[in-house]
């Protein structure tokens, strides 16, 4: 699994029938310090991610294991929207930094 940030949308009116109904997003891969690696990919959105959101995505054959992508010709799938990331006891990302715990 990899971390990335949604940076755009792909619209394709002509495509393989197996891709019909799938939402395609451009994701910029992030490293552990949340810096862009320079690599951008197109991923199927299985969770309703929005522009700018930090997401968790899978690549390769693992991308074809979700309900949305099973047996479809995809190499990347977004399978989670990230709320927070902690590395070595330090919070390096929070989606809602000002949220009050319940």
PDB file of N, CA and C in Angstrom:
ATOM      1  N   UNK A   1       0.844  -1.179   0.000  1.00  0.00           N
ATOM      2  CA  UNK A   1       0.000   0.000   0.000  1.00  0.00           C
ATOM      3  C   UNK A   1       0.884   1.234   0.000  1.00  0.00           C
ATOM      4  N   UNK A   2       0.370   2.276  -0.615  1.00  0.00           N
ATOM      5  CA  UNK A   2       1.120   3.517  -0.766  1.00  0.00           C
ATOM      6  C   UNK A   2       0.267   4.703  -0.353  1.00  0.00           C
ATOM      7  N   UNK A   3       0.930   5.787   0.051  1.00  0.00           N
ATOM      8  CA  UNK A   3       0.240   7.037   0.355  1.00  0.00           C
ATOM      9  C   UNK A   3       0.289   7.945  -0.859  1.00  0.00           C
ATOM     10  N   UNK A   4      -0.798   8.671  -1.079  1.00  0.00           N
ATOM     11  CA  UNK A   4      -0.829   9.618  -2.180  1.00  0.00           C
ATOM     12  C   UNK A   4      -1.805  10.736  -1.898  1.00  0.00           C
ATOM     13  N   UNK A   5      -1.798  11.729  -2.774  1.00  0.00           N
ATOM     14  CA  UNK A   5      -2.732  12.846  -2.672  1.00  0.00           C
ATOM     15  C   UNK A   5      -3.446  12.993  -4.001  1.00  0.00           C
ATOM     16  N   UNK A   6      -4.765  13.101  -3.937  1.00  0.00           N
ATOM     17  CA  UNK A   6      -5.564  13.269  -5.151  1.00  0.00           C
ATOM     18  C   UNK A   6      -5.311  14.663  -5.706  1.00  0.00           C
ATOM     19  N   UNK A   7      -4.915  14.718  -6.979  1.00  0.00           N
ATOM     20  CA  UNK A   7      -4.603  16.005  -7.610  1.00  0.00           C
ATOM     21  C   UNK A   7      -5.430  16.269  -8.864  1.00  0.00           C
ATOM     22  N   UNK A   8      -6.271  15.328  -9.263  1.00  0.00           N
ATOM     23  CA  UNK A   8      -7.065  15.561 -10.462  1.00  0.00           C
ATOM     24  C   UNK A   8      -7.994  14.408 -10.789  1.00  0.00           C
ATOM     25  N   UNK A   9      -8.746  14.594 -11.857  1.00  0.00           N
ATOM     26  CA  UNK A   9      -9.727  13.624 -12.329  1.00  0.00           C
ATOM     27  C   UNK A   9      -9.428  13.282 -13.777  1.00  0.00           C
ATOM     28  N   UNK A  10      -9.687  12.042 -14.152  1.00  0.00           N
ATOM     29  CA  UNK A  10      -9.551  11.617 -15.545  1.00  0.00           C
ATOM     30  C   UNK A  10     -10.944  11.343 -16.090  1.00  0.00           C
ATOM     31  N   UNK A  11     -11.260  11.932 -17.231  1.00  0.00           N
ATOM     32  CA  UNK A  11     -12.524  11.672 -17.915  1.00  0.00           C
ATOM     33  C   UNK A  11     -12.199  10.955 -19.212  1.00  0.00           C
ATOM     34  N   UNK A  12     -12.813   9.803 -19.409  1.00  0.00           N
ATOM     35  CA  UNK A  12     -12.602   9.025 -20.633  1.00  0.00           C
ATOM     36  C   UNK A  12     -13.960   8.554 -21.133  1.00  0.00           C
ATOM     37  N   UNK A  13     -14.448   9.159 -22.197  1.00  0.00           N
ATOM     38  CA  UNK A  13     -15.768   8.790 -22.708  1.00  0.00           C
ATOM     39  C   UNK A  13     -15.732   7.486 -23.500  1.00  0.00           C
ATOM     40  N   UNK A  14     -14.576   7.134 -24.048  1.00  0.00           N
ATOM     41  CA  UNK A  14     -14.426   5.872 -24.772  1.00  0.00           C
ATOM     42  C   UNK A  14     -13.406   5.022 -24.017  1.00  0.00           C
ATOM     43  N   UNK A  15     -13.856   3.860 -23.568  1.00  0.00           N
ATOM     44  CA  UNK A  15     -12.982   2.986 -22.786  1.00  0.00           C
ATOM     45  C   UNK A  15     -13.483   1.553 -22.857  1.00  0.00           C
ATOM     46  N   UNK A  16     -12.687   0.643 -22.368  1.00  0.00           N
ATOM     47  CA  UNK A  16     -13.072  -0.760 -22.292  1.00  0.00           C
ATOM     48  C   UNK A  16     -14.351  -0.887 -21.464  1.00  0.00           C
ATOM     49  N   UNK A  17     -15.262  -1.773 -21.861  1.00  0.00           N
ATOM     50  CA  UNK A  17     -16.513  -1.943 -21.110  1.00  0.00           C
ATOM     51  C   UNK A  17     -16.290  -2.263 -19.627  1.00  0.00           C
ATOM     52  N   UNK A  18     -15.195  -2.967 -19.305  1.00  0.00           N
ATOM     53  CA  UNK A  18     -14.921  -3.322 -17.908  1.00  0.00           C
ATOM     54  C   UNK A  18     -14.638  -2.102 -17.035  1.00  0.00           C
ATOM     55  N   UNK A  19     -14.322  -0.975 -17.668  1.00  0.00           N
ATOM     56  CA  UNK A  19     -14.035   0.250 -16.915  1.00  0.00           C
ATOM     57  C   UNK A  19     -15.262   1.151 -16.756  1.00  0.00           C
ATOM     58  N   UNK A  20     -16.360   0.781 -17.382  1.00  0.00           N
ATOM     59  CA  UNK A  20     -17.581   1.588 -17.296  1.00  0.00           C
ATOM     60  C   UNK A  20     -18.024   1.727 -15.840  1.00  0.00           C
ATOM     61  N   UNK A  21     -18.377   2.935 -15.463  1.00  0.00           N
ATOM     62  CA  UNK A  21     -18.874   3.198 -14.119  1.00  0.00           C
ATOM     63  C   UNK A  21     -17.800   3.430 -13.072  1.00  0.00           C
ATOM     64  N   UNK A  22     -16.536   3.278 -13.438  1.00  0.00           N
ATOM     65  CA  UNK A  22     -15.457   3.500 -12.476  1.00  0.00           C
ATOM     66  C   UNK A  22     -14.991   4.945 -12.536  1.00  0.00           C
ATOM     67  N   UNK A  23     -14.800   5.555 -11.381  1.00  0.00           N
ATOM     68  CA  UNK A  23     -14.285   6.922 -11.298  1.00  0.00           C
ATOM     69  C   UNK A  23     -12.766   6.857 -11.266  1.00  0.00           C
ATOM     70  N   UNK A  24     -12.120   7.630 -12.137  1.00  0.00           N
ATOM     71  CA  UNK A  24     -10.666   7.608 -12.248  1.00  0.00           C
ATOM     72  C   UNK A  24     -10.084   8.917 -11.731  1.00  0.00           C
ATOM     73  N   UNK A  25      -9.106   8.824 -10.839  1.00  0.00           N
ATOM     74  CA  UNK A  25      -8.479  10.004 -10.254  1.00  0.00           C
ATOM     75  C   UNK A  25      -6.969   9.977 -10.476  1.00  0.00           C
ATOM     76  N   UNK A  26      -6.386  11.166 -10.595  1.00  0.00           N
ATOM     77  CA  UNK A  26      -4.936  11.292 -10.666  1.00  0.00           C
ATOM     78  C   UNK A  26      -4.429  11.429  -9.232  1.00  0.00           C
ATOM     79  N   UNK A  27      -3.473  10.581  -8.871  1.00  0.00           N
ATOM     80  CA  UNK A  27      -2.922  10.562  -7.518  1.00  0.00           C
ATOM     81  C   UNK A  27      -1.416  10.797  -7.595  1.00  0.00           C
ATOM     82  N   UNK A  28      -0.942  11.740  -6.797  1.00  0.00           N
ATOM     83  CA  UNK A  28       0.494  12.006  -6.694  1.00  0.00           C
ATOM     84  C   UNK A  28       1.016  11.216  -5.496  1.00  0.00           C
ATOM     85  N   UNK A  29       1.981  10.344  -5.736  1.00  0.00           N
ATOM     86  CA  UNK A  29       2.546   9.520  -4.671  1.00  0.00           C
ATOM     87  C   UNK A  29       3.310  10.383  -3.669  1.00  0.00           C
ATOM     88  N   UNK A  30       3.185  10.036  -2.374  1.00  0.00           N
ATOM     89  CA  UNK A  30       3.862  10.758  -1.291  1.00  0.00           C
ATOM     90  C   UNK A  30       4.853   9.840  -0.589  1.00  0.00           C
ATOM     91  N   UNK A  31       5.960  10.417  -0.107  1.00  0.00           N
ATOM     92  CA  UNK A  31       6.910   9.630   0.677  1.00  0.00           C
ATOM     93  C   UNK A  31       6.545   9.732   2.162  1.00  0.00           C
ATOM     94  N   UNK A  32       7.359   9.138   3.033  1.00  0.00           N
ATOM     95  CA  UNK A  32       7.062   9.113   4.469  1.00  0.00           C
ATOM     96  C   UNK A  32       7.041  10.494   5.105  1.00  0.00           C
ATOM     97  N   UNK A  33       7.693  11.470   4.478  1.00  0.00           N
ATOM     98  CA  UNK A  33       7.687  12.844   4.984  1.00  0.00           C
ATOM     99  C   UNK A  33       6.566  13.669   4.355  1.00  0.00           C
ATOM    100  N   UNK A  34       5.705  13.011   3.601  1.00  0.00           N
ATOM    101  CA  UNK A  34       4.576  13.627   2.902  1.00  0.00           C
ATOM    102  C   UNK A  34       5.006  14.588   1.803  1.00  0.00           C
ATOM    103  N   UNK A  35       6.191  14.361   1.264  1.00  0.00           N
ATOM    104  CA  UNK A  35       6.654  15.119   0.098  1.00  0.00           C
ATOM    105  C   UNK A  35       6.303  14.316  -1.149  1.00  0.00           C
ATOM    106  N   UNK A  36       5.947  15.025  -2.210  1.00  0.00           N
ATOM    107  CA  UNK A  36       5.621  14.354  -3.468  1.00  0.00           C
ATOM    108  C   UNK A  36       6.867  13.677  -4.023  1.00  0.00           C
ATOM    109  N   UNK A  37       6.705  12.449  -4.500  1.00  0.00           N
ATOM    110  CA  UNK A  37       7.837  11.710  -5.061  1.00  0.00           C
ATOM    111  C   UNK A  37       8.093  12.093  -6.510  1.00  0.00           C
ATOM    112  N   UNK A  38       7.157  12.806  -7.113  1.00  0.00           N
ATOM    113  CA  UNK A  38       7.276  13.149  -8.526  1.00  0.00           C
ATOM    114  C   UNK A  38       6.526  12.183  -9.417  1.00  0.00           C
ATOM    115  N   UNK A  39       6.064  11.079  -8.835  1.00  0.00           N
ATOM    116  CA  UNK A  39       5.329  10.077  -9.597  1.00  0.00           C
ATOM    117  C   UNK A  39       3.828  10.314  -9.450  1.00  0.00           C
ATOM    118  N   UNK A  40       3.126  10.363 -10.580  1.00  0.00           N
ATOM    119  CA  UNK A  40       1.668  10.484 -10.567  1.00  0.00           C
ATOM    120  C   UNK A  40       1.091   9.276 -11.286  1.00  0.00           C
ATOM    121  N   UNK A  41      -0.008   8.763 -10.766  1.00  0.00           N
ATOM    122  CA  UNK A  41      -0.657   7.592 -11.355  1.00  0.00           C
ATOM    123  C   UNK A  41      -2.149   7.871 -11.502  1.00  0.00           C
ATOM    124  N   UNK A  42      -2.820   7.040 -12.275  1.00  0.00           N
ATOM    125  CA  UNK A  42      -4.275   7.084 -12.378  1.00  0.00           C
ATOM    126  C   UNK A  42      -4.799   5.886 -11.599  1.00  0.00           C
ATOM    127  N   UNK A  43      -5.755   6.133 -10.709  1.00  0.00           N
ATOM    128  CA  UNK A  43      -6.296   5.069  -9.868  1.00  0.00           C
ATOM    129  C   UNK A  43      -7.815   5.071  -9.908  1.00  0.00           C
ATOM    130  N   UNK A  44      -8.392   3.888  -9.778  1.00  0.00           N
ATOM    131  CA  UNK A  44      -9.834   3.756  -9.614  1.00  0.00           C
ATOM    132  C   UNK A  44     -10.168   4.187  -8.195  1.00  0.00           C
ATOM    133  N   UNK A  45     -11.192   5.013  -8.048  1.00  0.00           N
ATOM    134  CA  UNK A  45     -11.622   5.489  -6.733  1.00  0.00           C
ATOM    135  C   UNK A  45     -12.712   4.568  -6.202  1.00  0.00           C
ATOM    136  N   UNK A  46     -12.390   3.768  -5.191  1.00  0.00           N
ATOM    137  CA  UNK A  46     -13.358   2.843  -4.614  1.00  0.00           C
ATOM    138  C   UNK A  46     -14.030   3.394  -3.364  1.00  0.00           C
ATOM    139  N   UNK A  47     -13.646   4.628  -2.933  1.00  0.00           N
ATOM    140  CA  UNK A  47     -14.145   5.131  -1.649  1.00  0.00           C
ATOM    141  C   UNK A  47     -14.719   6.545  -1.683  1.00  0.00           C
ATOM    142  N   UNK A  48     -14.779   7.184  -2.837  1.00  0.00           N
ATOM    143  CA  UNK A  48     -15.333   8.535  -2.913  1.00  0.00           C
ATOM    144  C   UNK A  48     -14.374   9.617  -2.480  1.00  0.00           C
ATOM    145  N   UNK A  49     -13.108   9.478  -2.821  1.00  0.00           N
ATOM    146  CA  UNK A  49     -12.095  10.479  -2.458  1.00  0.00           C
ATOM    147  C   UNK A  49     -12.308  11.772  -3.228  1.00  0.00           C
ATOM    148  N   UNK A  50     -11.875  12.877  -2.633  1.00  0.00           N
ATOM    149  CA  UNK A  50     -12.014  14.184  -3.264  1.00  0.00           C
ATOM    150  C   UNK A  50     -10.676  14.824  -3.554  1.00  0.00           C
ATOM    151  N   UNK A  51     -10.705  15.878  -4.330  1.00  0.00           N
ATOM    152  CA  UNK A  51      -9.494  16.594  -4.709  1.00  0.00           C
ATOM    153  C   UNK A  51      -8.752  17.083  -3.466  1.00  0.00           C
ATOM    154  N   UNK A  52      -7.456  16.847  -3.424  1.00  0.00           N
ATOM    155  CA  UNK A  52      -6.626  17.285  -2.311  1.00  0.00           C
ATOM    156  C   UNK A  52      -6.536  16.311  -1.156  1.00  0.00           C
ATOM    157  N   UNK A  53      -7.378  15.293  -1.132  1.00  0.00           N
ATOM    158  CA  UNK A  53      -7.356  14.361  -0.003  1.00  0.00           C
ATOM    159  C   UNK A  53      -6.149  13.435  -0.068  1.00  0.00           C
ATOM    160  N   UNK A  54      -5.641  13.090   1.108  1.00  0.00           N
ATOM    161  CA  UNK A  54      -4.579  12.098   1.221  1.00  0.00           C
ATOM    162  C   UNK A  54      -5.255  10.731   1.274  1.00  0.00           C
ATOM    163  N   UNK A  55      -4.756   9.813   0.457  1.00  0.00           N
ATOM    164  CA  UNK A  55      -5.395   8.508   0.315  1.00  0.00           C
ATOM    165  C   UNK A  55      -4.371   7.386   0.432  1.00  0.00           C
ATOM    166  N   UNK A  56      -4.890   6.197   0.663  1.00  0.00           N
ATOM    167  CA  UNK A  56      -4.103   4.976   0.653  1.00  0.00           C
ATOM    168  C   UNK A  56      -4.487   4.239  -0.616  1.00  0.00           C
ATOM    169  N   UNK A  57      -3.487   3.840  -1.411  1.00  0.00           N
ATOM    170  CA  UNK A  57      -3.815   3.118  -2.638  1.00  0.00           C
ATOM    171  C   UNK A  57      -2.937   1.893  -2.805  1.00  0.00           C
ATOM    172  N   UNK A  58      -3.457   0.939  -3.564  1.00  0.00           N
ATOM    173  CA  UNK A  58      -2.732  -0.299  -3.856  1.00  0.00           C
ATOM    174  C   UNK A  58      -2.362  -0.313  -5.323  1.00  0.00           C
ATOM    175  N   UNK A  59      -1.286  -1.036  -5.619  1.00  0.00           N
ATOM    176  CA  UNK A  59      -0.809  -1.128  -6.995  1.00  0.00           C
ATOM    177  C   UNK A  59      -0.654  -2.589  -7.399  1.00  0.00           C
ATOM    178  N   UNK A  60      -0.666  -2.828  -8.698  1.00  0.00           N
ATOM    179  CA  UNK A  60      -0.455  -4.169  -9.229  1.00  0.00           C
ATOM    180  C   UNK A  60      -1.648  -5.079  -9.018  1.00  0.00           C
ATOM    181  N   UNK A  61      -1.375  -6.366  -8.854  1.00  0.00           N
ATOM    182  CA  UNK A  61      -2.467  -7.336  -8.737  1.00  0.00           C
ATOM    183  C   UNK A  61      -3.332  -7.085  -7.509  1.00  0.00           C
ATOM    184  N   UNK A  62      -2.794  -6.481  -6.464  1.00  0.00           N
ATOM    185  CA  UNK A  62      -3.587  -6.145  -5.274  1.00  0.00           C
ATOM    186  C   UNK A  62      -4.704  -5.167  -5.602  1.00  0.00           C
ATOM    187  N   UNK A  63      -4.516  -4.359  -6.627  1.00  0.00           N
ATOM    188  CA  UNK A  63      -5.530  -3.378  -7.017  1.00  0.00           C
ATOM    189  C   UNK A  63      -6.785  -4.039  -7.569  1.00  0.00           C
ATOM    190  N   UNK A  64      -6.700  -5.303  -7.914  1.00  0.00           N
ATOM    191  CA  UNK A  64      -7.858  -6.005  -8.463  1.00  0.00           C
ATOM    192  C   UNK A  64      -8.568  -6.868  -7.417  1.00  0.00           C
ATOM    193  N   UNK A  65      -8.341  -6.579  -6.151  1.00  0.00           N
ATOM    194  CA  UNK A  65      -8.934  -7.380  -5.083  1.00  0.00           C
ATOM    195  C   UNK A  65     -10.079  -6.692  -4.356  1.00  0.00           C
ATOM    196  N   UNK A  66     -10.452  -5.473  -4.746  1.00  0.00           N
ATOM    197  CA  UNK A  66     -11.578  -4.792  -4.096  1.00  0.00           C
ATOM    198  C   UNK A  66     -12.876  -5.157  -4.809  1.00  0.00           C
ATOM    199  N   UNK A  67     -13.992  -4.893  -4.164  1.00  0.00           N
ATOM    200  CA  UNK A  67     -15.287  -5.170  -4.787  1.00  0.00           C
ATOM    201  C   UNK A  67     -15.456  -4.378  -6.083  1.00  0.00           C
ATOM    202  N   UNK A  68     -14.945  -3.154  -6.116  1.00  0.00           N
ATOM    203  CA  UNK A  68     -15.106  -2.294  -7.297  1.00  0.00           C
ATOM    204  C   UNK A  68     -14.214  -2.702  -8.461  1.00  0.00           C
ATOM    205  N   UNK A  69     -13.102  -3.371  -8.176  1.00  0.00           N
ATOM    206  CA  UNK A  69     -12.117  -3.635  -9.231  1.00  0.00           C
ATOM    207  C   UNK A  69     -11.911  -5.110  -9.556  1.00  0.00           C
ATOM    208  N   UNK A  70     -12.623  -5.981  -8.897  1.00  0.00           N
ATOM    209  CA  UNK A  70     -12.415  -7.423  -9.100  1.00  0.00           C
ATOM    210  C   UNK A  70     -12.525  -7.796 -10.573  1.00  0.00           C
ATOM    211  N   UNK A  71     -11.494  -8.467 -11.057  1.00  0.00           N
ATOM    212  CA  UNK A  71     -11.434  -8.963 -12.441  1.00  0.00           C
ATOM    213  C   UNK A  71     -11.508  -7.860 -13.491  1.00  0.00           C
ATOM    214  N   UNK A  72     -11.115  -6.645 -13.122  1.00  0.00           N
ATOM    215  CA  UNK A  72     -11.089  -5.531 -14.084  1.00  0.00           C
ATOM    216  C   UNK A  72      -9.638  -5.166 -14.396  1.00  0.00           C
ATOM    217  N   UNK A  73      -9.388  -4.605 -15.576  1.00  0.00           N
ATOM    218  CA  UNK A  73      -8.014  -4.291 -15.985  1.00  0.00           C
ATOM    219  C   UNK A  73      -7.485  -3.000 -15.355  1.00  0.00           C
ATOM    220  N   UNK A  74      -7.217  -3.048 -14.049  1.00  0.00           N
ATOM    221  CA  UNK A  74      -6.708  -1.861 -13.352  1.00  0.00           C
ATOM    222  C   UNK A  74      -5.394  -2.191 -12.645  1.00  0.00           C
ATOM    223  N   UNK A  75      -4.535  -1.188 -12.512  1.00  0.00           N
ATOM    224  CA  UNK A  75      -3.257  -1.355 -11.822  1.00  0.00           C
ATOM    225  C   UNK A  75      -3.187  -0.604 -10.502  1.00  0.00           C
ATOM    226  N   UNK A  76      -4.121   0.345 -10.267  1.00  0.00           N
ATOM    227  CA  UNK A  76      -4.112   1.126  -9.029  1.00  0.00           C
ATOM    228  C   UNK A  76      -5.548   1.345  -8.558  1.00  0.00           C
ATOM    229  N   UNK A  77      -5.756   1.263  -7.240  1.00  0.00           N
ATOM    230  CA  UNK A  77      -7.073   1.527  -6.667  1.00  0.00           C
ATOM    231  C   UNK A  77      -6.905   2.285  -5.355  1.00  0.00           C
ATOM    232  N   UNK A  78      -7.731   3.323  -5.186  1.00  0.00           N
ATOM    233  CA  UNK A  78      -7.794   4.052  -3.916  1.00  0.00           C
ATOM    234  C   UNK A  78      -8.751   3.278  -3.027  1.00  0.00           C
ATOM    235  N   UNK A  79      -8.262   2.869  -1.847  1.00  0.00           N
ATOM    236  CA  UNK A  79      -9.105   2.049  -0.984  1.00  0.00           C
ATOM    237  C   UNK A  79      -9.320   2.627   0.400  1.00  0.00           C
ATOM    238  N   UNK A  80      -8.760   3.823   0.657  1.00  0.00           N
ATOM    239  CA  UNK A  80      -8.986   4.475   1.948  1.00  0.00           C
ATOM    240  C   UNK A  80      -8.668   5.960   1.842  1.00  0.00           C
ATOM    241  N   UNK A  81      -9.421   6.753   2.591  1.00  0.00           N
ATOM    242  CA  UNK A  81      -9.133   8.178   2.753  1.00  0.00           C
ATOM    243  C   UNK A  81      -8.477   8.307   4.128  1.00  0.00           C
ATOM    244  N   UNK A  82      -7.290   8.884   4.161  1.00  0.00           N
ATOM    245  CA  UNK A  82      -6.479   8.931   5.382  1.00  0.00           C
ATOM    246  C   UNK A  82      -6.937  10.072   6.295  1.00  0.00           C
ATOM    247  N   UNK A  83      -7.136   9.748   7.581  1.00  0.00           N
ATOM    248  CA  UNK A  83      -7.490  10.754   8.581  1.00  0.00           C
ATOM    249  C   UNK A  83      -6.262  11.247   9.333  1.00  0.00           C
ATOM    250  N   UNK A  84      -5.320  10.346   9.605  1.00  0.00           N
ATOM    251  CA  UNK A  84      -4.109  10.722  10.336  1.00  0.00           C
ATOM    252  C   UNK A  84      -3.020   9.689  10.089  1.00  0.00           C
ATOM    253  N   UNK A  85      -1.771  10.139  10.198  1.00  0.00           N
ATOM    254  CA  UNK A  85      -0.612   9.246  10.088  1.00  0.00           C
ATOM    255  C   UNK A  85       0.357   9.605  11.207  1.00  0.00           C
ATOM    256  N   UNK A  86       0.822   8.576  11.907  1.00  0.00           N
ATOM    257  CA  UNK A  86       1.813   8.754  12.963  1.00  0.00           C
ATOM    258  C   UNK A  86       3.030   7.902  12.620  1.00  0.00           C
ATOM    259  N   UNK A  87       4.215   8.495  12.664  1.00  0.00           N
ATOM    260  CA  UNK A  87       5.456   7.772  12.402  1.00  0.00           C
ATOM    261  C   UNK A  87       6.405   8.015  13.572  1.00  0.00           C
ATOM    262  N   UNK A  88       6.892   6.932  14.160  1.00  0.00           N
ATOM    263  CA  UNK A  88       7.814   6.997  15.300  1.00  0.00           C
ATOM    264  C   UNK A  88       7.270   7.869  16.428  1.00  0.00           C
ATOM    265  N   UNK A  89       5.969   7.726  16.703  1.00  0.00           N
ATOM    266  CA  UNK A  89       5.357   8.460  17.797  1.00  0.00           C
ATOM    267  C   UNK A  89       5.016   9.905  17.510  1.00  0.00           C
ATOM    268  N   UNK A  90       5.280  10.351  16.292  1.00  0.00           N
ATOM    269  CA  UNK A  90       5.005  11.743  15.931  1.00  0.00           C
ATOM    270  C   UNK A  90       3.923  11.793  14.854  1.00  0.00           C
ATOM    271  N   UNK A  91       2.916  12.623  15.074  1.00  0.00           N
ATOM    272  CA  UNK A  91       1.875  12.797  14.070  1.00  0.00           C
ATOM    273  C   UNK A  91       2.441  13.621  12.925  1.00  0.00           C
ATOM    274  N   UNK A  92       2.455  13.022  11.735  1.00  0.00           N
ATOM    275  CA  UNK A  92       3.000  13.716  10.563  1.00  0.00           C
ATOM    276  C   UNK A  92       1.906  14.211   9.627  1.00  0.00           C
ATOM    277  N   UNK A  93       0.670  13.733   9.857  1.00  0.00           N
ATOM    278  CA  UNK A  93      -0.462  14.204   9.056  1.00  0.00           C
ATOM    279  C   UNK A  93      -1.741  14.046   9.847  1.00  0.00           C
ATOM    280  N   UNK A  94      -2.582  15.086   9.807  1.00  0.00           N
ATOM    281  CA  UNK A  94      -3.929  15.037  10.368  1.00  0.00           C
ATOM    282  C   UNK A  94      -4.861  15.732   9.399  1.00  0.00           C
ATOM    283  N   UNK A  95      -5.921  15.035   9.008  1.00  0.00           N
ATOM    284  CA  UNK A  95      -6.904  15.626   8.100  1.00  0.00           C
ATOM    285  C   UNK A  95      -7.660  16.751   8.795  1.00  0.00           C
ATOM    286  N   UNK A  96      -7.989  16.536  10.057  1.00  0.00           N
ATOM    287  CA  UNK A  96      -8.727  17.528  10.842  1.00  0.00           C
ATOM    288  C   UNK A  96      -7.910  17.888  12.084  1.00  0.00           C
ATOM    289  N   UNK A  97      -6.863  18.701  11.950  1.00  0.00           N
ATOM    290  CA  UNK A  97      -5.973  18.976  13.089  1.00  0.00           C
ATOM    291  C   UNK A  97      -6.640  19.704  14.250  1.00  0.00           C
ATOM    292  N   UNK A  98      -7.723  20.403  13.999  1.00  0.00           N
ATOM    293  CA  UNK A  98      -8.386  21.161  15.064  1.00  0.00           C
ATOM    294  C   UNK A  98      -9.581  20.427  15.652  1.00  0.00           C
ATOM    295  N   UNK A  99      -9.772  19.162  15.275  1.00  0.00           N
ATOM    296  CA  UNK A  99     -10.922  18.400  15.759  1.00  0.00           C
ATOM    297  C   UNK A  99     -10.743  18.063  17.232  1.00  0.00           C
ATOM    298  N   UNK A 100     -11.832  18.160  17.971  1.00  0.00           N
ATOM    299  CA  UNK A 100     -11.836  17.814  19.386  1.00  0.00           C
ATOM    300  C   UNK A 100     -12.204  16.345  19.521  1.00  0.00           C
ATOM    301  N   UNK A 101     -11.415  15.545  20.256  1.00  0.00           N
ATOM    302  CA  UNK A 101     -11.741  14.120  20.424  1.00  0.00           C
ATOM    303  C   UNK A 101     -13.098  13.950  21.088  1.00  0.00           C
ATOM    304  N   UNK A 102     -13.826  12.933  20.686  1.00  0.00           N
ATOM    305  CA  UNK A 102     -15.163  12.671  21.238  1.00  0.00           C
ATOM    306  C   UNK A 102     -15.075  11.975  22.564  1.00  0.00           C
TER     307      UNK A 102
END
